[in-house]
C-alpha cells in the first residue's frame, strides 16, 4: 500500500477521517497476513514509511503507525504519505 491520505474534507470531521484511515490500514495489514506464506517462511514482515510526501518519508516500525497518524492529526497536516509493503520474514525463537 502506497497512499497519500487526505486529512481535510468540507463535510467530514478530521477525527472521523483519522478513524477511517486507521481502519483502512488495519484492514490492509490483516489481509496481507492472511496470504499464504512461501515455503520455509514463518511470518510476514512489513516495511513501513511515513511522511508528508513520498520524497521526505522516513522508515518507521509497524507498531508506530497509529502514533504517527495521531501526530499528523495534532499538527493539522492537510495530507500525509504512508507506505506499507509486506515481505516474507523469519522470527527468531526466544531464548529459554
Protein backbone atom coordinates (compact mmCIF):
# COMPACT_ATOMS: atom_id res chain seq x y z
CA UNK A 1 0.00 0.00 0.00
CA UNK A 2 1.47 3.30 -1.09
CA UNK A 3 -1.02 6.03 -0.48
CA UNK A 4 -1.34 9.72 0.32
CA UNK A 5 -4.16 10.23 2.80
CA UNK A 6 -6.08 13.50 2.89
CA UNK A 7 -6.97 14.95 6.31
CA UNK A 8 -9.25 17.71 5.09
CA UNK A 9 -12.83 17.44 3.88
CA UNK A 10 -15.56 20.06 3.95
CA UNK A 11 -18.23 17.57 5.11
CA UNK A 12 -16.31 15.13 7.34
CA UNK A 13 -14.63 15.96 10.65
CA UNK A 14 -10.89 15.27 10.94
CA UNK A 15 -11.40 12.78 13.78
CA UNK A 16 -13.70 10.67 11.55
CA UNK A 17 -11.19 10.80 8.69
CA UNK A 18 -8.44 9.61 11.05
CA UNK A 19 -10.63 6.75 12.29
CA UNK A 20 -11.29 5.73 8.69
CA UNK A 21 -7.58 5.83 7.84
CA UNK A 22 -6.70 3.69 10.87
CA UNK A 23 -9.40 1.19 9.90
CA UNK A 24 -8.14 1.02 6.30
CA UNK A 25 -4.55 0.42 7.48
CA UNK A 26 -5.63 -2.27 9.94
CA UNK A 27 -7.73 -3.98 7.26
CA UNK A 28 -4.81 -3.94 4.80
CA UNK A 29 -2.39 -5.46 7.33
CA UNK A 30 -4.91 -8.15 8.28
CA UNK A 31 -5.48 -9.01 4.60
CA UNK A 32 -1.74 -9.25 3.92
CA UNK A 33 -1.15 -11.50 6.94
CA UNK A 34 -3.80 -13.95 5.68
CA UNK A 35 -1.94 -14.56 2.42
CA UNK A 36 -0.22 -17.91 2.00
CA UNK A 37 3.37 -17.89 3.20
CA UNK A 38 6.21 -19.02 0.94
CA UNK A 39 7.97 -22.23 1.88
CA UNK A 40 10.35 -22.04 4.89
CA UNK A 41 8.93 -18.69 5.98
CA UNK A 42 7.45 -18.27 9.46
CA UNK A 43 5.53 -14.99 9.14
CA UNK A 44 5.00 -11.80 7.15
CA UNK A 45 7.09 -8.74 7.92
CA UNK A 46 6.29 -5.17 6.87
CA UNK A 47 8.41 -2.28 5.61
CA UNK A 48 6.75 0.98 6.58
CA UNK A 49 7.44 4.60 5.66
CA UNK A 50 5.65 7.76 6.80
CA UNK A 51 6.00 11.41 5.83
CA UNK A 52 4.40 14.50 4.37
CA UNK A 53 5.13 13.17 0.90
CA UNK A 54 6.92 10.21 -0.68
CA UNK A 55 10.22 12.03 -1.12
CA UNK A 56 10.51 13.06 2.54
CA UNK A 57 9.09 9.90 4.11
CA UNK A 58 11.13 8.09 6.74
CA UNK A 59 11.26 4.45 7.79
CA UNK A 60 9.08 3.61 10.81
CA UNK A 61 8.12 0.45 12.67
CA UNK A 62 4.73 -1.17 12.05
CA UNK A 63 3.65 -0.66 15.67
CA UNK A 64 4.26 3.11 15.42
CA UNK A 65 1.82 3.79 12.58
CA UNK A 66 -1.03 4.93 14.86
CA UNK A 67 1.34 7.24 16.76
CA UNK A 68 2.44 8.92 13.52
CA UNK A 69 -1.16 9.27 12.31
CA UNK A 70 -2.04 10.95 15.63
CA UNK A 71 0.93 13.31 15.24
CA UNK A 72 -0.24 14.24 11.74
CA UNK A 73 -3.69 14.98 13.15
CA UNK A 74 -2.30 17.11 16.00
CA UNK A 75 -0.02 19.05 13.61
CA UNK A 76 -3.13 19.69 11.47
CA UNK A 77 -1.48 18.46 8.27
CA UNK A 78 -3.62 18.57 5.14
CA UNK A 79 -2.30 15.19 3.97
CA UNK A 80 0.38 12.59 4.66
CA UNK A 81 2.04 9.70 2.84
CA UNK A 82 2.00 6.15 4.22
CA UNK A 83 3.70 3.15 2.65
CA UNK A 84 3.29 -0.41 3.95
CA UNK A 85 4.90 -3.22 1.99
CA UNK A 86 4.65 -6.88 3.02
CA UNK A 87 7.71 -9.09 2.78
CA UNK A 88 8.50 -12.62 3.97
CA UNK A 89 10.16 -12.61 7.36
CA UNK A 90 11.56 -15.09 9.82
CA UNK A 91 11.15 -14.56 13.52
CA UNK A 92 13.84 -15.94 15.72
CA UNK A 93 12.88 -18.12 18.66
CA UNK A 94 13.10 -16.58 22.11
CA UNK A 95 15.97 -17.92 24.19
CA UNK A 96 14.80 -20.09 27.07
